[in-house]
Protein backbone atom coordinates (compact mmCIF):
# COMPACT_ATOMS: atom_id res chain seq x y z
CA UNK A 1 181.11 171.12 -210.84
CA UNK A 2 177.47 170.74 -211.83
CA UNK A 3 174.78 173.28 -211.08
CA UNK A 4 171.20 172.05 -211.37
CA UNK A 5 168.82 173.86 -213.74
CA UNK A 6 167.84 177.33 -212.49
CA UNK A 7 169.98 177.03 -209.34
CA UNK A 8 172.95 179.17 -208.38
CA UNK A 9 176.14 179.50 -206.43
CA UNK A 10 175.49 182.77 -204.61
CA UNK A 11 177.83 185.73 -204.53
CA UNK A 12 181.07 185.02 -202.70
CA UNK A 13 184.74 186.04 -202.55
CA UNK A 14 187.91 183.95 -202.33
CA UNK A 15 190.40 185.82 -200.17
CA UNK A 16 193.40 183.64 -201.11
CA UNK A 17 192.62 181.95 -204.44
CA UNK A 18 192.38 182.97 -208.06
CA UNK A 19 189.53 181.01 -209.67
CA UNK A 20 188.88 180.03 -213.28
CA UNK A 21 185.81 178.48 -214.91
CA UNK A 22 185.59 176.67 -218.22
CA UNK A 23 182.01 175.98 -219.30
CA UNK A 24 181.80 172.31 -220.36
CA UNK A 25 178.06 172.19 -221.10
CA UNK A 26 174.81 174.02 -220.47
CA UNK A 27 174.07 177.71 -220.24
CA UNK A 28 173.76 180.35 -217.58
CA UNK A 29 175.09 183.65 -216.36
CA UNK A 30 178.10 184.58 -214.29
CA UNK A 31 178.18 187.85 -212.37
CA UNK A 32 181.84 188.86 -212.08
CA UNK A 33 182.40 191.98 -209.96
CA UNK A 34 178.91 193.23 -210.88
CA UNK A 35 179.19 192.52 -214.63
CA UNK A 36 176.90 189.84 -216.12
CA UNK A 37 178.63 187.43 -218.48
CA UNK A 38 176.71 184.84 -220.54
CA UNK A 39 177.91 181.29 -219.92
CA UNK A 40 177.82 178.74 -222.75
CA UNK A 41 180.06 175.90 -223.85
CA UNK A 42 183.67 176.99 -224.37
CA UNK A 43 183.57 180.20 -222.31
CA UNK A 44 186.44 180.69 -219.86
CA UNK A 45 186.29 183.20 -216.99
CA UNK A 46 188.97 184.33 -214.55
CA UNK A 47 188.20 185.70 -211.09
CA UNK A 48 191.09 187.48 -209.36
CA UNK A 49 191.59 187.16 -205.63
CA UNK A 50 189.04 189.17 -203.67
CA UNK A 51 186.55 189.74 -206.51
CA UNK A 52 182.87 188.95 -205.78
CA UNK A 53 181.25 186.52 -208.19
CA UNK A 54 178.25 184.21 -208.56
CA UNK A 55 177.00 181.70 -211.13
CA UNK A 56 173.38 181.14 -212.15
CA UNK A 57 172.48 178.08 -214.24
CA UNK A 58 169.93 178.30 -217.05
CA UNK A 59 167.04 175.95 -217.80
CA UNK A 60 169.43 173.20 -218.95
CA UNK A 61 171.80 173.41 -215.97
CA UNK A 62 175.51 174.10 -216.12
CA UNK A 63 178.66 172.00 -215.98
CA UNK A 64 181.89 173.87 -215.18
CA UNK A 65 185.53 172.90 -214.84
CA UNK A 66 186.63 175.11 -211.94
CA UNK A 67 190.25 175.59 -210.89
CA UNK A 68 191.55 177.34 -207.78
CA UNK A 69 195.13 178.58 -207.42
CA UNK A 70 196.38 177.83 -204.88
CA UNK A 71 194.08 174.87 -204.28
CA UNK A 72 191.23 175.12 -201.79
CA UNK A 73 192.19 173.25 -198.62
């Protein structure tokens, strides 16, 4: 997924899916259960089921490889 510069995916919860992010390019911040994590190329994050999280892209935008298990349907 691509997030435009200085835009975000607001805080949300997945009730049935575990989610992972691998940062492919760009920079930003992820807020995982209230903890801010810097996002830069190569970072991988895991969000357990039911944990609130959001992603905020930096000035250069953000490109993530996101996986959901089980898949979103």
